């Protein structure tokens, strides 16, 4: 056993984590459109791009991703998480069930990535009808 003094800034260099929100509501998006979560709350490691909506792995590893979509009554918003053009998982936020309340859907994925692999959220099929800003989020971190 031993002791090693480590500066916080030195530890931060190894942390890769981001959390972002929709900066504007999304309506009537077409098929397979990237959903850009442009309001970046945290981006340690600068791996998430808030203009493209894509996360680029800065190093090999296992990454955890989560996303939540809030839709309004009578609307829906279906999404999928994609790694390098391969669909990994899906999310369904369905406010069309005849209810008068808002509906949300959340999903997560654990993905093995190589340096420069990319992950993003996109509409699933032609089902990007309505998602609320600030209530819809995308986040991830390296394990």
N, C-alpha and C. Protein backbone atom coordinates (compact mmCIF):
# COMPACT_ATOMS: atom_id res chain seq x y z
N UNK A 1 0.85 -1.17 0.00
CA UNK A 1 0.00 0.00 0.00
C UNK A 1 0.89 1.23 0.00
N UNK A 2 0.31 2.28 -0.45
CA UNK A 2 1.06 3.52 -0.48
C UNK A 2 0.12 4.70 -0.63
N UNK A 3 0.69 5.83 -0.70
CA UNK A 3 -0.08 7.06 -0.82
C UNK A 3 0.45 7.84 -2.01
N UNK A 4 -0.46 8.38 -2.79
CA UNK A 4 -0.07 9.20 -3.93
C UNK A 4 -0.92 10.46 -3.93
N UNK A 5 -0.30 11.60 -3.86
CA UNK A 5 -1.02 12.88 -3.92
C UNK A 5 -1.40 13.14 -5.37
N UNK A 6 -2.68 13.44 -5.59
CA UNK A 6 -3.17 13.68 -6.95
C UNK A 6 -3.96 14.98 -6.94
N UNK A 7 -3.64 15.86 -7.87
CA UNK A 7 -4.42 17.09 -8.02
C UNK A 7 -5.77 16.77 -8.64
N UNK A 8 -6.79 17.53 -8.28
CA UNK A 8 -8.12 17.33 -8.87
C UNK A 8 -8.06 17.49 -10.39
N UNK A 9 -7.30 18.46 -10.85
CA UNK A 9 -7.23 18.68 -12.30
C UNK A 9 -6.60 17.47 -13.00
N UNK A 10 -5.68 16.80 -12.33
CA UNK A 10 -5.06 15.60 -12.90
C UNK A 10 -6.09 14.47 -12.99
N UNK A 11 -6.92 14.30 -11.96
CA UNK A 11 -7.97 13.28 -11.98
C UNK A 11 -9.02 13.60 -13.05
N UNK A 12 -9.37 14.88 -13.21
CA UNK A 12 -10.38 15.29 -14.18
C UNK A 12 -9.99 14.92 -15.60
N UNK A 13 -8.70 14.81 -15.89
CA UNK A 13 -8.25 14.47 -17.24
C UNK A 13 -8.72 13.07 -17.64
N UNK A 14 -8.98 12.22 -16.66
CA UNK A 14 -9.42 10.86 -16.94
C UNK A 14 -10.93 10.71 -16.97
N UNK A 15 -11.65 11.74 -16.59
CA UNK A 15 -13.12 11.67 -16.54
C UNK A 15 -13.71 12.06 -17.89
N UNK A 16 -14.60 11.22 -18.38
CA UNK A 16 -15.35 11.52 -19.60
C UNK A 16 -16.82 11.41 -19.23
N UNK A 17 -17.53 12.52 -19.25
CA UNK A 17 -18.95 12.53 -18.88
C UNK A 17 -19.62 13.75 -19.50
N UNK A 18 -20.89 13.57 -19.90
CA UNK A 18 -21.64 14.71 -20.42
C UNK A 18 -23.11 14.58 -20.03
N UNK A 19 -23.76 15.72 -19.98
CA UNK A 19 -25.21 15.78 -19.76
C UNK A 19 -25.72 16.96 -20.57
N UNK A 20 -26.73 16.73 -21.39
CA UNK A 20 -27.25 17.78 -22.26
C UNK A 20 -28.77 17.69 -22.35
N UNK A 21 -29.38 18.83 -22.63
CA UNK A 21 -30.84 18.94 -22.76
C UNK A 21 -31.18 19.46 -24.15
N UNK A 22 -32.41 19.20 -24.57
CA UNK A 22 -32.87 19.84 -25.81
C UNK A 22 -32.93 21.34 -25.56
N UNK A 23 -32.35 22.12 -26.44
CA UNK A 23 -32.36 23.57 -26.28
C UNK A 23 -33.58 24.21 -26.94
N UNK A 24 -34.29 23.44 -27.74
CA UNK A 24 -35.55 23.90 -28.33
C UNK A 24 -36.43 22.68 -28.58
N UNK A 25 -37.72 22.89 -28.59
CA UNK A 25 -38.62 21.75 -28.81
C UNK A 25 -38.40 21.21 -30.22
N UNK A 26 -38.64 19.93 -30.35
CA UNK A 26 -38.48 19.24 -31.63
C UNK A 26 -39.85 18.82 -32.12
N UNK A 27 -40.19 19.20 -33.35
CA UNK A 27 -41.50 18.86 -33.91
C UNK A 27 -41.36 18.34 -35.33
N UNK A 28 -42.14 17.30 -35.62
CA UNK A 28 -42.29 16.79 -36.98
C UNK A 28 -40.96 16.54 -37.69
N UNK A 29 -40.02 15.96 -36.97
CA UNK A 29 -38.76 15.59 -37.60
C UNK A 29 -39.00 14.40 -38.53
N UNK A 30 -38.20 14.28 -39.52
CA UNK A 30 -38.36 13.18 -40.48
C UNK A 30 -37.73 11.88 -40.00
N UNK A 31 -37.51 10.99 -40.93
CA UNK A 31 -36.96 9.68 -40.65
C UNK A 31 -35.47 9.75 -40.37
N UNK A 32 -35.04 9.08 -39.30
CA UNK A 32 -33.62 8.95 -38.93
C UNK A 32 -32.88 10.29 -38.84
N UNK A 33 -33.52 11.27 -38.24
CA UNK A 33 -32.92 12.59 -38.05
C UNK A 33 -32.22 12.61 -36.69
N UNK A 34 -30.97 13.08 -36.66
CA UNK A 34 -30.23 13.19 -35.41
C UNK A 34 -30.93 14.22 -34.52
N UNK A 35 -31.17 13.83 -33.27
CA UNK A 35 -31.76 14.74 -32.29
C UNK A 35 -30.60 15.43 -31.58
N UNK A 36 -30.53 16.74 -31.71
CA UNK A 36 -29.42 17.51 -31.15
C UNK A 36 -29.83 18.07 -29.79
N UNK A 37 -29.17 17.61 -28.75
CA UNK A 37 -29.37 18.10 -27.40
C UNK A 37 -28.34 19.21 -27.20
N UNK A 38 -28.72 20.43 -27.55
CA UNK A 38 -27.77 21.54 -27.65
C UNK A 38 -27.48 22.31 -26.39
N UNK A 39 -28.26 22.10 -25.33
CA UNK A 39 -28.03 22.81 -24.07
C UNK A 39 -27.13 21.92 -23.20
N UNK A 40 -25.83 22.15 -23.29
CA UNK A 40 -24.86 21.30 -22.59
C UNK A 40 -24.71 21.77 -21.15
N UNK A 41 -25.01 20.88 -20.21
CA UNK A 41 -24.89 21.16 -18.79
C UNK A 41 -23.50 20.77 -18.28
N UNK A 42 -23.00 19.63 -18.76
CA UNK A 42 -21.70 19.11 -18.37
C UNK A 42 -21.06 18.46 -19.59
N UNK A 43 -19.77 18.70 -19.78
CA UNK A 43 -19.06 18.07 -20.90
C UNK A 43 -17.59 17.87 -20.54
N UNK A 44 -17.36 17.12 -19.49
CA UNK A 44 -16.00 16.85 -19.04
C UNK A 44 -15.34 15.89 -20.04
N UNK A 45 -14.25 16.32 -20.62
CA UNK A 45 -13.57 15.55 -21.65
C UNK A 45 -13.91 16.05 -23.05
N UNK A 46 -14.88 16.96 -23.16
CA UNK A 46 -15.27 17.58 -24.44
C UNK A 46 -15.57 16.56 -25.54
N UNK A 47 -16.23 15.48 -25.20
CA UNK A 47 -16.50 14.43 -26.19
C UNK A 47 -17.87 14.57 -26.85
N UNK A 48 -18.78 15.37 -26.25
CA UNK A 48 -20.11 15.56 -26.84
C UNK A 48 -20.12 16.87 -27.61
N UNK A 49 -20.65 16.83 -28.83
CA UNK A 49 -20.75 18.02 -29.68
C UNK A 49 -22.20 18.49 -29.71
N UNK A 50 -22.48 19.61 -29.10
CA UNK A 50 -23.83 20.16 -29.01
C UNK A 50 -24.35 20.75 -30.31
N UNK A 51 -23.52 20.84 -31.34
CA UNK A 51 -24.01 21.32 -32.64
C UNK A 51 -24.41 20.17 -33.55
N UNK A 52 -23.74 19.02 -33.41
CA UNK A 52 -24.07 17.85 -34.24
C UNK A 52 -24.93 16.84 -33.50
N UNK A 53 -24.89 16.88 -32.15
CA UNK A 53 -25.62 15.91 -31.34
C UNK A 53 -24.89 14.59 -31.20
N UNK A 54 -23.61 14.56 -31.57
CA UNK A 54 -22.86 13.30 -31.56
C UNK A 54 -21.78 13.29 -30.47
N UNK A 55 -21.65 12.12 -29.83
CA UNK A 55 -20.60 11.87 -28.87
C UNK A 55 -19.50 11.08 -29.57
N UNK A 56 -18.26 11.53 -29.43
CA UNK A 56 -17.12 10.84 -30.03
C UNK A 56 -16.22 10.35 -28.92
N UNK A 57 -16.00 9.04 -28.86
CA UNK A 57 -15.19 8.45 -27.81
C UNK A 57 -13.74 8.93 -27.93
N UNK A 58 -13.21 9.57 -26.89
CA UNK A 58 -11.82 10.01 -26.94
C UNK A 58 -10.82 8.89 -26.68
N UNK A 59 -11.32 7.75 -26.16
CA UNK A 59 -10.45 6.59 -25.91
C UNK A 59 -11.29 5.33 -25.88
N UNK A 60 -10.64 4.20 -26.05
CA UNK A 60 -11.32 2.91 -25.98
C UNK A 60 -11.93 2.72 -24.60
N UNK A 61 -13.05 1.99 -24.54
CA UNK A 61 -13.64 1.68 -23.25
C UNK A 61 -15.10 1.31 -23.34
N UNK A 62 -15.68 1.10 -22.17
CA UNK A 62 -17.10 0.82 -22.03
C UNK A 62 -17.77 2.11 -21.56
N UNK A 63 -18.84 2.51 -22.26
CA UNK A 63 -19.54 3.76 -21.97
C UNK A 63 -21.00 3.47 -21.65
N UNK A 64 -21.55 4.27 -20.76
CA UNK A 64 -22.96 4.18 -20.39
C UNK A 64 -23.67 5.43 -20.90
N UNK A 65 -24.81 5.24 -21.57
CA UNK A 65 -25.60 6.34 -22.10
C UNK A 65 -27.04 6.22 -21.63
N UNK A 66 -27.69 7.36 -21.40
CA UNK A 66 -29.09 7.42 -21.02
C UNK A 66 -29.75 8.58 -21.78
N UNK A 67 -31.02 8.38 -22.15
CA UNK A 67 -31.75 9.49 -22.74
C UNK A 67 -33.21 9.39 -22.35
N UNK A 68 -33.82 10.57 -22.20
CA UNK A 68 -35.22 10.69 -21.82
C UNK A 68 -35.89 11.69 -22.75
N UNK A 69 -37.09 11.36 -23.18
CA UNK A 69 -37.89 12.25 -24.03
C UNK A 69 -39.23 12.49 -23.34
N UNK A 70 -39.64 13.75 -23.29
CA UNK A 70 -40.97 14.11 -22.79
C UNK A 70 -41.79 14.63 -23.95
N UNK A 71 -42.98 14.06 -24.12
CA UNK A 71 -43.88 14.50 -25.18
C UNK A 71 -45.19 14.97 -24.55
N UNK A 72 -46.04 15.61 -25.32
CA UNK A 72 -47.29 16.15 -24.80
C UNK A 72 -48.46 15.23 -25.13
N UNK A 73 -49.60 15.43 -24.46
CA UNK A 73 -50.77 14.60 -24.75
C UNK A 73 -51.13 14.66 -26.24
N UNK A 74 -51.41 13.51 -26.81
CA UNK A 74 -51.79 13.42 -28.22
C UNK A 74 -50.61 13.33 -29.17
N UNK A 75 -49.37 13.38 -28.66
CA UNK A 75 -48.17 13.31 -29.50
C UNK A 75 -47.32 12.12 -29.09
N UNK A 76 -46.27 11.88 -29.84
CA UNK A 76 -45.31 10.82 -29.52
C UNK A 76 -43.95 11.22 -30.08
N UNK A 77 -42.90 10.51 -29.65
CA UNK A 77 -41.55 10.79 -30.14
C UNK A 77 -40.73 9.52 -29.94
N UNK A 78 -40.46 8.81 -31.01
CA UNK A 78 -39.70 7.57 -30.94
C UNK A 78 -38.26 7.82 -31.37
N UNK A 79 -37.32 7.26 -30.60
CA UNK A 79 -35.92 7.48 -30.89
C UNK A 79 -35.15 6.16 -30.79
N UNK A 80 -33.91 6.22 -31.26
CA UNK A 80 -33.00 5.09 -31.15
C UNK A 80 -31.60 5.63 -30.90
N UNK A 81 -30.80 4.82 -30.21
CA UNK A 81 -29.40 5.18 -30.02
C UNK A 81 -28.59 4.43 -31.07
N UNK A 82 -27.65 5.15 -31.67
CA UNK A 82 -26.90 4.63 -32.81
C UNK A 82 -25.40 4.74 -32.52
N UNK A 83 -24.68 3.66 -32.83
CA UNK A 83 -23.21 3.69 -32.77
C UNK A 83 -22.69 3.43 -34.18
N UNK A 84 -22.00 4.40 -34.72
CA UNK A 84 -21.41 4.26 -36.06
C UNK A 84 -22.42 3.69 -37.07
N UNK A 85 -23.61 4.22 -37.10
CA UNK A 85 -24.69 3.84 -38.02
C UNK A 85 -25.38 2.52 -37.68
N UNK A 86 -25.02 1.87 -36.57
CA UNK A 86 -25.67 0.63 -36.13
C UNK A 86 -26.59 0.93 -34.94
N UNK A 87 -27.86 0.57 -35.07
CA UNK A 87 -28.82 0.81 -34.00
C UNK A 87 -28.53 -0.12 -32.83
N UNK A 88 -28.47 0.45 -31.62
CA UNK A 88 -28.17 -0.29 -30.40
C UNK A 88 -29.42 -0.48 -29.55
N UNK A 89 -30.32 0.51 -29.50
CA UNK A 89 -31.52 0.43 -28.66
C UNK A 89 -32.55 1.47 -29.06
N UNK A 90 -33.72 1.37 -28.42
CA UNK A 90 -34.87 2.21 -28.78
C UNK A 90 -35.50 2.86 -27.56
N UNK A 91 -36.29 3.91 -27.82
CA UNK A 91 -37.05 4.60 -26.78
C UNK A 91 -38.39 5.05 -27.39
N UNK A 92 -39.46 4.90 -26.62
CA UNK A 92 -40.79 5.25 -27.10
C UNK A 92 -41.47 6.14 -26.06
N UNK A 93 -41.72 7.39 -26.41
CA UNK A 93 -42.48 8.30 -25.57
C UNK A 93 -43.84 8.48 -26.23
N UNK A 94 -44.89 7.92 -25.62
CA UNK A 94 -46.20 7.87 -26.26
C UNK A 94 -47.24 8.64 -25.46
N UNK A 95 -47.62 9.82 -25.98
CA UNK A 95 -48.69 10.60 -25.38
C UNK A 95 -50.00 10.42 -26.13
N UNK A 96 -50.03 9.47 -27.07
CA UNK A 96 -51.22 9.25 -27.89
C UNK A 96 -52.18 8.24 -27.28
N UNK A 97 -51.91 7.76 -26.12
CA UNK A 97 -52.70 6.68 -25.55
C UNK A 97 -54.09 7.11 -25.07
N UNK A 98 -54.53 8.30 -25.43
CA UNK A 98 -55.84 8.78 -25.02
C UNK A 98 -55.81 9.49 -23.69
N UNK A 99 -54.64 9.61 -23.11
CA UNK A 99 -54.48 10.26 -21.82
C UNK A 99 -54.37 11.76 -22.00
N UNK A 100 -54.70 12.49 -20.96
CA UNK A 100 -54.55 13.94 -21.01
C UNK A 100 -53.31 14.38 -20.24
N UNK A 101 -52.42 13.43 -19.91
CA UNK A 101 -51.20 13.79 -19.20
C UNK A 101 -49.99 13.68 -20.13
N UNK A 102 -48.93 14.35 -19.73
CA UNK A 102 -47.69 14.29 -20.50
C UNK A 102 -47.08 12.90 -20.33
N UNK A 103 -46.31 12.48 -21.32
CA UNK A 103 -45.72 11.15 -21.29
C UNK A 103 -44.23 11.25 -21.56
N UNK A 104 -43.47 10.40 -20.88
CA UNK A 104 -42.03 10.37 -21.12
C UNK A 104 -41.57 8.93 -21.34
N UNK A 105 -40.47 8.80 -21.98
CA UNK A 105 -39.82 7.50 -22.17
C UNK A 105 -38.34 7.67 -21.90
N UNK A 106 -37.75 6.70 -21.21
CA UNK A 106 -36.32 6.73 -20.91
C UNK A 106 -35.69 5.40 -21.30
N UNK A 107 -34.48 5.46 -21.78
CA UNK A 107 -33.73 4.26 -22.14
C UNK A 107 -32.27 4.45 -21.79
N UNK A 108 -31.56 3.33 -21.74
CA UNK A 108 -30.12 3.39 -21.50
C UNK A 108 -29.44 2.30 -22.32
N UNK A 109 -28.15 2.47 -22.50
CA UNK A 109 -27.36 1.49 -23.24
C UNK A 109 -25.93 1.51 -22.72
N UNK A 110 -25.35 0.34 -22.60
CA UNK A 110 -23.94 0.18 -22.26
C UNK A 110 -23.25 -0.27 -23.55
N UNK A 111 -22.28 0.52 -24.01
CA UNK A 111 -21.71 0.29 -25.34
C UNK A 111 -20.18 0.24 -25.27
N UNK A 112 -19.61 -0.81 -25.86
CA UNK A 112 -18.15 -0.91 -25.99
C UNK A 112 -17.74 -0.07 -27.19
N UNK A 113 -16.80 0.84 -26.97
CA UNK A 113 -16.40 1.76 -28.02
C UNK A 113 -14.88 1.78 -28.18
N UNK A 114 -14.48 2.03 -29.39
CA UNK A 114 -13.07 2.28 -29.71
C UNK A 114 -12.90 3.79 -29.86
N UNK A 115 -11.68 4.26 -29.73
CA UNK A 115 -11.40 5.68 -29.91
C UNK A 115 -11.96 6.14 -31.26
N UNK A 116 -12.65 7.26 -31.26
CA UNK A 116 -13.28 7.91 -32.42
C UNK A 116 -14.59 7.28 -32.87
N UNK A 117 -15.06 6.20 -32.23
CA UNK A 117 -16.43 5.73 -32.49
C UNK A 117 -17.39 6.83 -32.07
N UNK A 118 -18.54 6.87 -32.73
CA UNK A 118 -19.54 7.89 -32.41
C UNK A 118 -20.86 7.27 -32.00
N UNK A 119 -21.56 7.95 -31.09
CA UNK A 119 -22.89 7.57 -30.64
C UNK A 119 -23.78 8.80 -30.70
N UNK A 120 -25.04 8.60 -31.14
CA UNK A 120 -26.01 9.69 -31.16
C UNK A 120 -27.41 9.14 -31.02
N UNK A 121 -28.35 10.04 -30.78
CA UNK A 121 -29.77 9.72 -30.71
C UNK A 121 -30.40 10.25 -31.99
N UNK A 122 -31.26 9.42 -32.61
CA UNK A 122 -31.97 9.89 -33.80
C UNK A 122 -33.41 9.40 -33.74
N UNK A 123 -34.24 10.03 -34.57
CA UNK A 123 -35.64 9.60 -34.63
C UNK A 123 -35.69 8.19 -35.18
N UNK A 124 -36.64 7.43 -34.67
CA UNK A 124 -36.84 6.07 -35.15
C UNK A 124 -37.97 6.10 -36.17
N UNK A 125 -37.64 5.76 -37.41
CA UNK A 125 -38.64 5.84 -38.47
C UNK A 125 -39.10 7.28 -38.65
N UNK A 126 -40.34 7.46 -38.96
CA UNK A 126 -40.92 8.80 -39.13
C UNK A 126 -41.71 9.16 -37.88
N UNK A 127 -41.05 9.05 -36.72
CA UNK A 127 -41.78 9.22 -35.47
C UNK A 127 -41.17 10.29 -34.58
N UNK A 128 -40.74 11.40 -35.16
CA UNK A 128 -40.24 12.52 -34.39
C UNK A 128 -41.27 13.62 -34.37
N UNK A 129 -42.37 13.39 -33.67
CA UNK A 129 -43.49 14.33 -33.74
C UNK A 129 -43.40 15.49 -32.76
N UNK A 130 -43.04 15.23 -31.47
CA UNK A 130 -42.94 16.35 -30.53
C UNK A 130 -42.14 15.94 -29.29
N UNK A 131 -41.10 16.71 -28.98
CA UNK A 131 -40.31 16.52 -27.76
C UNK A 131 -40.09 17.89 -27.11
N UNK A 132 -40.26 17.95 -25.80
CA UNK A 132 -40.09 19.20 -25.05
C UNK A 132 -38.64 19.54 -24.81
N UNK A 133 -38.31 20.83 -24.94
CA UNK A 133 -36.97 21.29 -24.59
C UNK A 133 -36.83 21.27 -23.07
N UNK A 134 -35.62 21.18 -22.61
CA UNK A 134 -35.23 21.17 -21.20
C UNK A 134 -35.75 19.97 -20.41
N UNK A 135 -36.80 19.31 -20.86
CA UNK A 135 -37.32 18.12 -20.17
C UNK A 135 -36.81 16.85 -20.84
N UNK A 136 -36.19 16.98 -21.99
CA UNK A 136 -35.64 15.84 -22.73
C UNK A 136 -34.13 15.93 -22.64
N UNK A 137 -33.47 14.81 -22.33
CA UNK A 137 -32.04 14.87 -22.06
C UNK A 137 -31.29 13.67 -22.65
N UNK A 138 -29.99 13.85 -22.80
CA UNK A 138 -29.08 12.81 -23.27
C UNK A 138 -27.80 12.95 -22.46
N UNK A 139 -27.33 11.86 -21.86
CA UNK A 139 -26.11 11.90 -21.06
C UNK A 139 -25.33 10.60 -21.19
N UNK A 140 -24.08 10.68 -20.79
CA UNK A 140 -23.26 9.48 -20.83
C UNK A 140 -21.95 9.68 -20.11
N UNK A 141 -21.28 8.56 -19.86
CA UNK A 141 -19.99 8.61 -19.21
C UNK A 141 -19.22 7.33 -19.48
N UNK A 142 -17.92 7.39 -19.32
CA UNK A 142 -17.04 6.22 -19.47
C UNK A 142 -16.97 5.51 -18.13
N UNK A 143 -17.15 4.20 -18.17
CA UNK A 143 -17.05 3.41 -16.94
C UNK A 143 -15.59 3.25 -16.53
